[in-house]
Amino acid sequence: MARKRTSTPTADTDRELGDHIHSLGLGTVEEYREWCARNGFSRKLNKHWKRRCRERFHHRQRDALDRLDQRKREQRNLIDVIRGICEGQIEEHDVTQQHLKRLCAVLKPGRGPQLERQVNRPALLRIVSHLNSCRAKVFHGSPVIAELGEHPGNTFIEALALAAAHSAAWQRPVEDWKPRSHNPHRQFHSLLRHLFVCYDDMPLFFDSVWFMGRTREAAERRGWYRHVGRGQNIRNCKLPLAYTKKMAHHFLRAPSDVTMDQALRWGQVHGLGGDDRLARAIFGTRLADNFEHDAFWTSVMRWFAAHPLLDRAHIGPMIDYIHNQRFVAEQVYVGPGRREVSPPPQPNFTMKGRTPAGLLRKVNHWHRRLATDNTHQLRQWQPSGIDAFEYLEGSIQNRSLKCWTIRELLSSKALVAEGRQLKHCVATYASSCAQGHCSIWTMEIESSDGRKKLITVEVQNRGRMISQARGKLNRLAHEKERSVLRRWAIAQGLKLSKYV
């Protein structure tokens, strides 16, 4: 009788078995044999690859069902889960919902900027217990500020944890607070004023600082909240720009739909004699949250305020032109692989003696020169790490199929071509893109009529903020284009400025 052949194990088969065991979340061969017996698989080690595929599929399916059951248990017993997190009994790997994972991370020692204390767990437990007894609706994981999306810190429970970190600054016990509304936003506004505000005159836009996460800038602005809440003047804070009494007066009267940085600009513009339209036009530019070279830009905004009949649609292109002339160094290519860096075109640029008509002619001439300039076409840079986007609507049967795409532009040559087609100054962003400060994207639509460019989009990489979107001749984005931008922002976790 012929002897049955047996395969001799090799280093490759041992490695494959180890990888397979690791993919099942197991550590040893004995654990693997026990797992196979529990789940109805053979205890043999030498198996066909198809059997191993079935085992991995069974493991993923079982793991998905377990996570689904766990999520349902979390939703049924949400308050108990939050209490367990506050007491340190539940860790990040024990929960499935993202806002609960982020809450666990916030409570870990050593997390957060030095400007902010660690979260006071007993104080957070007091807040959670009292709000639960009042049936407050602030424990869900939905984003509070829609424009920020799934940004870390953008839920009520994470903001409550930050409020507990500042429990030493509470003006009143949390147990004395009673809800006066069924709206969760109003409930949270009321709670903040109960805890931190002495005279109940805190503007609503100030509340956004509690949803900005645990960055250094956000912690600094929460310090401003406590300072103003005690009745102190915002001018006594370490602001990124010079502020007058008049500016501070208008700052506190900024509308509720602006961010903290935009409120600073709002107060500055109104203090310089500008109006609401000028302030909102500046919100759509690089000055919305950038306070560098404040003395110079103050003179520019004073000039804008002195010319109220200037069409506000020209504000963005003018600011781009002024920034380029005064601050952007020119890179001139003098040969293959060789370039020379020269100073900005007008490093001493001022607004003195300029008229709106004269400045507008300069801006238009600059745009025309960019469309024909070939000295900036050889620069390339790495992708930002944000994924491109594609969205289909309509149907082939109705001959209404449309494909919307958003893709990143990765060379100065692509920026120049984009600017030539849409007749704007996006080519000047090559240096900022190469340094990683921002990324430029193009939105296009393809249909039975062919492919068409629609708008150019700027994303601030550090804050993952869609800050500008301009079409041909610097027109603003249409509502349908903003709708596609919102879909992309949700898919990639980007923030979308209100003024895009």
Protein backbone atom coordinates (compact mmCIF):
# COMPACT_ATOMS: atom_id res chain seq x y z
CA MET A 1 0.00 0.00 0.00
CA ALA A 2 1.38 3.42 -0.97
CA ARG A 3 2.41 5.64 1.87
CA LYS A 4 0.37 8.87 2.17
CA ARG A 5 2.41 11.93 1.33
CA THR A 6 2.58 14.69 3.93
CA SER A 7 3.75 18.19 3.26
CA THR A 8 6.66 19.37 5.31
CA PRO A 9 6.03 22.78 6.97
CA THR A 10 8.30 25.53 5.75
CA ALA A 11 9.14 29.04 6.94
CA ASP A 12 6.67 30.44 4.39
CA THR A 13 3.77 28.30 5.62
CA ASP A 14 4.56 29.19 9.23
CA ARG A 15 4.57 32.86 8.35
CA GLU A 16 1.27 32.54 6.46
CA LEU A 17 -0.28 30.74 9.44
CA GLY A 18 0.98 33.44 11.80
CA ASP A 19 -0.45 36.18 9.62
CA HIS A 20 -3.76 34.36 9.44
CA ILE A 21 -3.93 33.94 13.21
CA HIS A 22 -3.08 37.60 13.68
CA SER A 23 -5.83 38.66 11.22
CA LEU A 24 -8.35 36.85 13.45
CA GLY A 25 -7.25 38.87 16.45
CA LEU A 26 -5.56 35.88 18.10
CA GLY A 27 -2.08 35.42 19.47
CA THR A 28 -1.15 31.73 19.64
CA VAL A 29 -1.83 28.47 17.84
CA GLU A 30 -3.77 27.10 20.83
CA GLU A 31 -6.05 30.14 20.81
CA TYR A 32 -6.59 29.57 17.10
CA ARG A 33 -7.55 25.90 17.62
CA GLU A 34 -10.03 26.89 20.35
CA TRP A 35 -11.50 29.61 18.13
CA CYS A 36 -11.99 27.10 15.28
CA ALA A 37 -13.76 24.66 17.61
CA ARG A 38 -16.10 27.38 18.95
CA ASN A 39 -17.03 28.59 15.47
CA GLY A 40 -17.46 25.25 13.71
CA PHE A 41 -14.18 25.10 11.76
CA SER A 42 -11.56 22.38 11.59
CA ARG A 43 -8.78 22.46 14.21
CA LYS A 44 -6.16 21.55 11.61
CA LEU A 45 -3.38 24.01 10.93
CA ASN A 46 -2.58 23.14 7.32
CA LYS A 47 -5.65 24.42 5.45
CA HIS A 48 -6.49 25.46 1.92
CA TRP A 49 -6.47 29.21 1.33
CA LYS A 50 -10.21 29.19 0.58
CA ARG A 51 -10.97 27.77 4.04
CA ARG A 52 -8.85 30.49 5.62
CA CYS A 53 -10.75 33.10 3.60
CA ARG A 54 -14.01 31.71 5.00
CA GLU A 55 -12.62 31.98 8.52
CA ARG A 56 -11.57 35.59 8.02
CA PHE A 57 -14.96 36.45 6.52
CA HIS A 58 -16.70 34.80 9.49
CA HIS A 59 -14.50 36.80 11.89
CA ARG A 60 -15.25 40.12 10.17
CA GLN A 61 -18.96 39.35 10.05
CA ARG A 62 -19.02 38.36 13.72
CA ASP A 63 -17.00 41.43 14.67
CA ALA A 64 -19.38 43.72 12.73
CA LEU A 65 -22.41 42.18 14.46
CA ASP A 66 -20.75 42.54 17.86
CA ARG A 67 -19.98 46.20 17.17
CA LEU A 68 -23.56 46.77 16.05
CA ASP A 69 -24.89 45.16 19.25
CA GLN A 70 -22.48 47.24 21.30
CA ARG A 71 -23.60 50.45 19.56
CA LYS A 72 -27.23 49.61 20.32
CA ARG A 73 -26.36 49.00 23.98
CA GLU A 74 -24.52 52.34 24.08
CA GLN A 75 -27.53 54.17 22.66
CA ARG A 76 -29.91 52.49 25.11
CA ASN A 77 -27.68 53.18 28.11
CA LEU A 78 -25.91 56.34 26.93
CA ILE A 79 -25.85 58.07 30.32
CA ASP A 80 -24.44 54.99 32.03
CA VAL A 81 -21.72 54.77 29.37
CA ILE A 82 -20.81 58.44 29.82
CA ARG A 83 -20.69 57.99 33.60
CA GLY A 84 -18.42 54.98 33.12
CA ILE A 85 -16.11 57.06 30.94
CA CYS A 86 -16.04 59.87 33.51
CA GLU A 87 -15.18 57.41 36.29
CA GLY A 88 -12.42 55.80 34.21
CA GLN A 89 -14.16 52.41 34.03
CA ILE A 90 -14.68 52.55 30.24
CA GLU A 91 -11.77 53.18 27.88
CA GLU A 92 -11.57 54.35 24.29
CA HIS A 93 -11.44 50.82 22.84
CA ASP A 94 -14.63 49.87 24.74
CA VAL A 95 -16.93 52.23 22.80
CA THR A 96 -17.90 52.47 19.13
CA GLN A 97 -19.29 55.99 18.66
CA GLN A 98 -16.75 58.60 17.61
CA HIS A 99 -17.85 61.32 20.03
CA LEU A 100 -17.52 58.86 22.95
CA LYS A 101 -14.04 57.85 21.76
CA ARG A 102 -13.06 61.53 21.61
CA LEU A 103 -14.49 62.06 25.11
CA CYS A 104 -12.24 59.25 26.39
CA ALA A 105 -9.27 60.92 24.70
CA VAL A 106 -10.09 64.32 26.23
CA LEU A 107 -10.15 62.80 29.72
CA LYS A 108 -6.72 61.19 29.42
CA PRO A 109 -4.00 62.86 31.53
CA GLY A 110 -1.53 64.98 29.62
CA ARG A 111 -3.89 65.70 26.73
CA GLY A 112 -4.58 69.25 25.65
CA PRO A 113 -2.63 72.52 25.54
CA GLN A 114 -0.74 73.91 28.51
CA LEU A 115 -3.08 76.92 28.61
CA GLU A 116 -5.90 74.66 29.76
CA ARG A 117 -6.24 72.48 32.85
CA GLN A 118 -7.07 68.79 32.78
CA VAL A 119 -10.75 67.87 32.80
CA ASN A 120 -12.13 67.69 36.34
CA ARG A 121 -13.85 64.28 36.35
CA PRO A 122 -15.99 64.91 39.47
CA ALA A 123 -17.16 68.23 38.00
CA LEU A 124 -18.04 66.52 34.72
CA LEU A 125 -19.97 63.86 36.62
CA ARG A 126 -21.91 66.62 38.38
CA ILE A 127 -22.78 68.22 35.05
CA VAL A 128 -23.84 64.92 33.46
CA SER A 129 -25.94 63.83 36.44
CA HIS A 130 -27.72 67.17 36.73
CA LEU A 131 -28.40 67.55 33.01
CA ASN A 132 -29.74 64.00 32.91
CA SER A 133 -32.08 64.74 35.80
CA CYS A 134 -33.28 67.83 33.90
CA ARG A 135 -33.81 65.74 30.74
CA ALA A 136 -31.48 68.01 28.78
CA LYS A 137 -30.93 66.98 25.16
CA VAL A 138 -27.19 67.49 24.95
CA PHE A 139 -25.80 63.94 25.02
CA HIS A 140 -26.13 62.97 21.35
CA GLY A 141 -23.13 62.84 19.02
CA SER A 142 -24.39 65.07 16.20
CA PRO A 143 -22.17 68.00 15.18
CA VAL A 144 -23.23 71.27 16.85
CA ILE A 145 -21.77 73.69 14.27
CA ALA A 146 -22.69 72.28 10.88
CA GLU A 147 -19.82 74.04 9.08
CA LEU A 148 -17.23 72.26 11.25
CA GLY A 149 -18.63 68.79 10.50
CA GLU A 150 -17.05 65.86 12.36
CA HIS A 151 -14.36 68.10 13.81
CA PRO A 152 -12.90 66.97 17.19
CA GLY A 153 -14.73 68.86 19.93
CA ASN A 154 -17.83 69.68 17.86
CA THR A 155 -20.36 67.92 20.11
CA PHE A 156 -22.12 69.01 23.29
CA ILE A 157 -20.61 66.30 25.49
CA GLU A 158 -17.04 67.24 24.49
CA ALA A 159 -17.84 70.90 25.16
CA LEU A 160 -19.24 69.95 28.58
CA ALA A 161 -15.94 68.22 29.36
CA LEU A 162 -14.10 71.46 28.59
CA ALA A 163 -16.53 73.37 30.80
CA ALA A 164 -15.64 70.91 33.58
CA ALA A 165 -11.93 71.65 33.00
CA HIS A 166 -12.68 75.24 34.03
CA SER A 167 -14.82 74.36 37.06
CA ALA A 168 -12.66 76.63 39.24
CA ALA A 169 -14.06 79.61 37.26
CA TRP A 170 -17.74 78.66 37.71
CA GLN A 171 -19.78 81.59 38.98
CA ARG A 172 -22.67 79.41 40.22
CA PRO A 173 -23.23 75.72 41.10
CA VAL A 174 -24.38 73.65 38.14
CA GLU A 175 -27.16 72.19 40.29
CA ASP A 176 -28.90 75.58 40.37
CA TRP A 177 -29.38 75.62 36.59
CA LYS A 178 -32.79 74.79 35.12
CA PRO A 179 -33.56 74.49 31.38
CA ARG A 180 -35.96 77.07 29.96
CA SER A 181 -36.19 75.57 26.47
CA HIS A 182 -36.42 72.20 24.76
CA ASN A 183 -33.88 73.28 22.15
CA PRO A 184 -30.44 71.74 22.91
CA HIS A 185 -28.58 74.76 21.50
CA ARG A 186 -30.51 77.16 23.74
CA GLN A 187 -30.05 74.82 26.69
CA PHE A 188 -26.28 74.83 26.19
CA HIS A 189 -26.15 78.62 25.73
CA SER A 190 -28.10 79.02 28.96
CA LEU A 191 -25.86 76.58 30.86
CA LEU A 192 -22.66 78.35 29.78
CA ARG A 193 -23.99 81.71 30.95
CA HIS A 194 -25.09 80.20 34.23
CA LEU A 195 -21.62 78.77 34.86
CA PHE A 196 -19.30 81.50 33.54
CA VAL A 197 -21.15 84.80 32.98
CA CYS A 198 -21.84 87.30 35.75
CA TYR A 199 -24.13 89.76 33.98
CA ASP A 200 -25.81 87.67 31.25
CA ASP A 201 -24.67 89.90 28.36
CA MET A 202 -22.38 87.43 26.57
CA PRO A 203 -22.91 87.45 22.76
CA LEU A 204 -23.98 84.15 21.19
CA PHE A 205 -21.05 83.90 18.75
CA PHE A 206 -18.72 83.52 21.74
CA ASP A 207 -20.11 80.02 22.40
CA SER A 208 -18.31 78.66 19.32
CA VAL A 209 -15.02 78.60 21.28
CA TRP A 210 -16.25 75.57 23.23
CA PHE A 211 -16.57 73.49 20.04
CA MET A 212 -13.12 74.18 18.57
CA GLY A 213 -11.36 71.24 20.23
CA ARG A 214 -8.26 71.27 22.42
CA THR A 215 -5.88 73.35 20.35
CA ARG A 216 -3.75 76.17 21.74
CA GLU A 217 -5.78 78.81 19.86
CA ALA A 218 -9.08 77.39 21.10
CA ALA A 219 -7.85 77.27 24.72
CA GLU A 220 -6.72 80.89 24.44
CA ARG A 221 -10.15 81.95 23.17
CA ARG A 222 -11.92 80.06 25.97
CA GLY A 223 -9.78 82.15 28.28
CA TRP A 224 -11.25 85.23 26.57
CA TYR A 225 -14.74 83.82 27.23
CA ARG A 226 -14.06 83.51 30.96
CA HIS A 227 -12.47 86.95 31.04
CA VAL A 228 -15.42 88.69 29.35
CA GLY A 229 -17.85 86.57 31.38
CA ARG A 230 -16.44 88.08 34.57
CA GLY A 231 -17.32 91.52 33.19
CA GLN A 232 -13.82 92.42 31.98
CA ASN A 233 -12.99 94.19 28.71
CA ILE A 234 -11.94 92.13 25.69
CA ARG A 235 -9.15 94.66 25.07
CA ASN A 236 -7.34 93.36 28.16
CA CYS A 237 -6.91 89.96 26.50
CA LYS A 238 -3.91 89.09 24.36
CA LEU A 239 -5.59 89.77 21.01
CA PRO A 240 -3.84 89.20 17.67
CA LEU A 241 -4.66 92.75 16.53
CA ALA A 242 -4.77 96.24 17.99
CA TYR A 243 -8.22 97.09 19.35
CA THR A 244 -9.83 100.39 20.24
CA LYS A 245 -12.76 101.00 22.55
CA LYS A 246 -15.03 101.47 19.57
CA MET A 247 -13.89 98.18 18.05
CA ALA A 248 -14.51 96.37 21.35
CA HIS A 249 -18.02 97.87 21.45
CA HIS A 250 -18.85 96.54 17.96
CA PHE A 251 -17.13 93.21 18.67
CA LEU A 252 -19.68 92.40 21.37
CA ARG A 253 -22.47 93.17 18.89
CA ALA A 254 -21.29 90.86 16.14
CA PRO A 255 -24.02 88.56 14.73
CA SER A 256 -24.46 85.07 16.14
CA ASP A 257 -23.50 83.28 12.89
CA VAL A 258 -19.84 84.38 12.90
CA THR A 259 -16.82 82.68 14.42
CA MET A 260 -14.60 84.23 17.06
CA ASP A 261 -11.95 85.34 14.54
CA GLN A 262 -14.60 86.77 12.24
CA ALA A 263 -16.10 88.66 15.19
CA LEU A 264 -12.68 90.25 15.77
CA ARG A 265 -12.68 91.42 12.14
CA TRP A 266 -16.30 92.56 12.50
CA GLY A 267 -15.40 94.81 15.42
CA GLN A 268 -12.30 96.10 13.64
CA VAL A 269 -14.13 96.93 10.38
CA HIS A 270 -16.96 98.73 12.17
CA GLY A 271 -14.50 100.54 14.43
CA LEU A 272 -12.77 101.86 11.30
CA GLY A 273 -16.04 103.16 9.89
CA GLY A 274 -17.03 100.18 7.72
CA ASP A 275 -20.41 98.50 7.48
CA ASP A 276 -21.86 94.98 7.58
CA ARG A 277 -21.35 94.42 3.85
CA LEU A 278 -17.66 95.27 4.05
CA ALA A 279 -17.15 92.98 7.05
CA ARG A 280 -18.86 90.05 5.35
CA ALA A 281 -16.90 90.65 2.14
CA ILE A 282 -13.66 90.41 4.13
CA PHE A 283 -14.88 87.13 5.70
CA GLY A 284 -14.52 85.56 2.24
CA THR A 285 -10.82 86.48 1.93
CA ARG A 286 -7.49 85.46 3.43
CA LEU A 287 -8.01 88.08 6.16
CA ALA A 288 -10.94 86.24 7.75
CA ASP A 289 -8.69 84.40 10.23
CA ASN A 290 -5.18 85.62 9.39
CA PHE A 291 -3.94 88.52 11.53
CA GLU A 292 -0.37 88.87 10.28
CA HIS A 293 0.86 92.37 9.33
CA ASP A 294 -2.07 93.88 11.21
CA ALA A 295 -0.89 97.49 11.00
CA PHE A 296 -0.73 97.41 7.21
CA TRP A 297 -4.05 95.60 6.73
CA THR A 298 -5.70 98.05 9.13
CA SER A 299 -4.76 100.83 6.70
CA VAL A 300 -6.25 98.79 3.84
CA MET A 301 -9.55 98.29 5.68
CA ARG A 302 -9.64 101.96 6.60
CA TRP A 303 -9.28 102.72 2.86
CA PHE A 304 -12.14 100.34 2.02
CA ALA A 305 -14.32 101.97 4.69
CA ALA A 306 -13.57 105.41 3.22
CA HIS A 307 -14.98 104.28 -0.16
CA PRO A 308 -18.43 102.85 0.69
CA LEU A 309 -19.61 102.94 -2.96
CA LEU A 310 -16.93 100.46 -4.04
CA ASP A 311 -18.65 97.26 -5.20
CA ARG A 312 -17.94 94.69 -2.47
CA ALA A 313 -17.47 92.01 -5.14
CA HIS A 314 -14.05 93.61 -5.83
CA ILE A 315 -12.83 93.27 -2.22
CA GLY A 316 -11.48 89.72 -2.60
CA PRO A 317 -9.52 90.31 -5.85
CA MET A 318 -8.13 93.58 -4.47
CA ILE A 319 -6.89 91.92 -1.28
CA ASP A 320 -5.25 89.14 -3.34
CA TYR A 321 -3.52 91.75 -5.49
CA ILE A 322 -2.33 93.82 -2.52
CA HIS A 323 -1.06 90.72 -0.70
CA ASN A 324 0.85 89.60 -3.79
CA GLN A 325 2.43 93.00 -4.42
CA ARG A 326 3.61 93.61 -0.87
CA PHE A 327 4.35 90.18 0.63
CA VAL A 328 4.83 87.45 -2.01
CA ALA A 329 8.40 86.94 -3.21
CA GLU A 330 8.71 86.23 -6.93
CA GLN A 331 10.41 83.08 -8.19
CA VAL A 332 11.83 83.54 -11.67
CA TYR A 333 13.10 80.53 -13.61
CA VAL A 334 16.35 81.36 -15.37
CA GLY A 335 17.14 77.93 -16.78
CA PRO A 336 16.40 74.20 -16.50
CA GLY A 337 16.12 73.41 -12.81
CA ARG A 338 17.33 76.89 -11.83
CA ARG A 339 15.29 79.65 -10.29
CA GLU A 340 16.02 82.90 -8.53
CA VAL A 341 13.99 84.38 -5.70
CA SER A 342 13.47 88.13 -5.87
CA PRO A 343 11.68 90.46 -3.39
CA PRO A 344 7.95 91.15 -3.70
CA PRO A 345 7.04 93.47 -6.61
CA GLN A 346 6.15 96.39 -4.28
CA PRO A 347 7.39 95.71 -0.72
CA ASN A 348 6.56 99.32 0.25
CA PHE A 349 3.02 99.23 -1.18
CA THR A 350 0.63 101.63 0.60
CA MET A 351 -2.95 102.81 0.09
CA LYS A 352 -1.99 106.48 0.27
CA GLY A 353 -3.25 108.51 -2.70
CA ARG A 354 -5.01 105.57 -4.38
CA THR A 355 -8.49 105.75 -5.89
CA PRO A 356 -10.90 102.83 -6.38
CA ALA A 357 -10.82 103.22 -10.17
CA GLY A 358 -7.01 103.34 -10.25
CA LEU A 359 -6.59 100.31 -7.98
CA LEU A 360 -9.17 98.35 -9.97
CA ARG A 361 -7.23 99.04 -13.18
CA LYS A 362 -4.09 97.70 -11.49
CA VAL A 363 -5.95 94.55 -10.39
CA ASN A 364 -7.34 93.92 -13.89
CA HIS A 365 -3.92 94.48 -15.48
CA TRP A 366 -2.39 92.05 -12.98
CA HIS A 367 -4.99 89.42 -13.90
CA ARG A 368 -4.27 89.85 -17.61
CA ARG A 369 -0.53 89.56 -16.99
CA LEU A 370 -1.00 86.34 -15.01
CA ALA A 371 -2.92 84.86 -17.94
CA THR A 372 0.07 85.33 -20.27
CA ASP A 373 2.99 84.93 -17.84
CA ASN A 374 5.01 81.74 -18.35
CA THR A 375 7.58 82.22 -15.58
CA HIS A 376 5.57 80.35 -12.93
CA GLN A 377 4.79 77.13 -14.79
CA LEU A 378 7.55 74.83 -13.58
CA ARG A 379 6.77 74.36 -9.88
CA GLN A 380 5.19 71.21 -8.43
CA TRP A 381 4.25 70.04 -4.92
CA GLN A 382 3.02 67.00 -3.02
CA PRO A 383 -0.72 66.26 -2.54
CA SER A 384 -2.31 67.63 0.62
CA GLY A 385 -3.63 64.23 1.74
CA ILE A 386 -7.26 65.16 1.15
CA ASP A 387 -9.01 62.82 -1.28
CA ALA A 388 -10.63 63.90 -4.53
CA PHE A 389 -14.41 63.69 -4.89
CA GLU A 390 -16.91 62.43 -7.44
CA TYR A 391 -20.69 62.79 -7.33
CA LEU A 392 -23.21 61.42 -9.84
CA GLU A 393 -26.73 62.71 -10.31
CA GLY A 394 -29.46 62.09 -12.86
CA SER A 395 -29.78 58.92 -14.96
CA ILE A 396 -28.64 57.54 -18.29
CA GLN A 397 -32.21 56.62 -19.25
CA ASN A 398 -33.39 60.23 -18.95
CA ARG A 399 -30.16 61.51 -20.55
CA SER A 400 -29.67 63.70 -17.48
CA LEU A 401 -26.57 62.02 -16.03
CA LYS A 402 -24.05 64.51 -14.64
CA CYS A 403 -20.71 63.79 -12.99
CA TRP A 404 -19.35 66.39 -10.56
CA THR A 405 -15.65 66.09 -9.72
CA ILE A 406 -13.32 67.93 -7.35
CA ARG A 407 -9.60 67.36 -7.84
CA GLU A 408 -6.43 68.95 -6.50
CA LEU A 409 -4.13 71.09 -8.66
CA LEU A 410 -0.50 70.11 -7.99
CA SER A 411 1.61 72.42 -10.14
CA SER A 412 1.99 76.07 -10.95
CA LYS A 413 1.28 75.16 -14.58
CA ALA A 414 -2.14 73.77 -13.57
CA LEU A 415 -2.86 76.91 -11.52
CA VAL A 416 -2.02 79.15 -14.47
CA ALA A 417 -4.27 77.13 -16.78
CA GLU A 418 -7.07 77.31 -14.21
CA GLY A 419 -6.68 81.08 -13.89
CA ARG A 420 -6.68 81.55 -17.65
CA GLN A 421 -9.91 79.62 -18.10
CA LEU A 422 -11.78 81.24 -15.21
CA LYS A 423 -10.05 84.63 -15.47
CA HIS A 424 -8.91 85.01 -11.86
CA CYS A 425 -5.64 85.15 -9.93
CA VAL A 426 -5.33 81.61 -8.56
CA ALA A 427 -1.83 81.35 -10.14
CA THR A 428 -0.50 83.51 -7.30
CA TYR A 429 -1.21 80.68 -4.81
CA ALA A 430 1.66 78.53 -6.11
CA SER A 431 4.04 79.54 -3.32
CA SER A 432 1.47 78.90 -0.56
CA CYS A 433 0.62 75.50 -2.06
CA ALA A 434 4.30 74.53 -2.34
CA GLN A 435 4.82 75.43 1.34
CA GLY A 436 1.78 73.39 2.38
CA HIS A 437 -0.21 76.32 3.77
CA CYS A 438 -3.16 75.71 1.46
CA SER A 439 -4.31 73.52 -1.40
CA ILE A 440 -6.17 74.54 -4.55
CA TRP A 441 -8.91 72.39 -6.07
CA THR A 442 -10.99 72.63 -9.21
CA MET A 443 -14.66 71.66 -9.47
CA GLU A 444 -15.78 70.41 -12.87
CA ILE A 445 -18.97 68.92 -14.27
CA GLU A 446 -19.25 66.41 -17.09
CA SER A 447 -22.50 65.77 -18.96
CA SER A 448 -23.70 65.03 -22.48
CA ASP A 449 -22.58 68.56 -23.37
CA GLY A 450 -18.97 67.80 -22.41
CA ARG A 451 -16.72 68.80 -19.49
CA LYS A 452 -16.89 72.29 -17.99
CA LYS A 453 -14.89 74.04 -15.27
CA LEU A 454 -17.10 75.65 -12.62
CA ILE A 455 -15.21 77.01 -9.61
CA THR A 456 -11.78 77.06 -8.00
CA VAL A 457 -11.64 76.10 -4.32
CA GLU A 458 -9.07 77.03 -1.65
CA VAL A 459 -8.61 74.76 1.38
CA GLN A 460 -6.59 75.90 4.40
CA ASN A 461 -4.64 72.71 5.15
CA ARG A 462 -3.90 73.32 8.82
CA GLY A 463 -7.51 73.87 9.84
CA ARG A 464 -8.97 71.76 6.98
CA MET A 465 -11.23 74.69 6.12
CA ILE A 466 -12.75 75.37 2.71
CA SER A 467 -12.15 79.10 2.80
CA GLN A 468 -12.80 80.33 -0.75
CA ALA A 469 -14.70 79.19 -3.84
CA ARG A 470 -14.67 81.42 -6.92
CA GLY A 471 -15.92 80.95 -10.46
CA LYS A 472 -15.27 82.85 -13.66
CA LEU A 473 -14.31 86.50 -13.09
CA ASN A 474 -14.29 85.84 -9.31
CA ARG A 475 -18.02 85.18 -9.07
CA LEU A 476 -19.25 83.49 -5.89
CA ALA A 477 -20.28 79.83 -5.91
CA HIS A 478 -23.91 79.05 -6.83
CA GLU A 479 -26.14 77.14 -4.44
CA LYS A 480 -25.79 73.86 -6.35
CA GLU A 481 -22.01 74.19 -6.31
CA ARG A 482 -22.10 74.86 -2.56
CA SER A 483 -24.25 71.75 -2.15
CA VAL A 484 -21.58 69.61 -3.84
CA LEU A 485 -18.91 71.28 -1.69
CA ARG A 486 -20.89 70.35 1.43
CA ARG A 487 -21.01 66.70 0.30
CA TRP A 488 -17.22 66.73 -0.20
CA ALA A 489 -16.69 68.40 3.19
CA ILE A 490 -18.76 65.74 4.96
CA ALA A 491 -16.95 62.91 3.15
CA GLN A 492 -13.47 64.28 3.99
CA GLY A 493 -14.12 65.84 7.40
CA LEU A 494 -13.55 69.38 6.15
CA LYS A 495 -15.00 72.59 7.53
CA LEU A 496 -16.97 74.81 5.17
CA SER A 497 -16.85 78.55 5.77
CA LYS A 498 -20.21 80.26 5.90
CA TYR A 499 -18.95 82.83 3.42
CA VAL A 500 -17.98 80.50 0.60
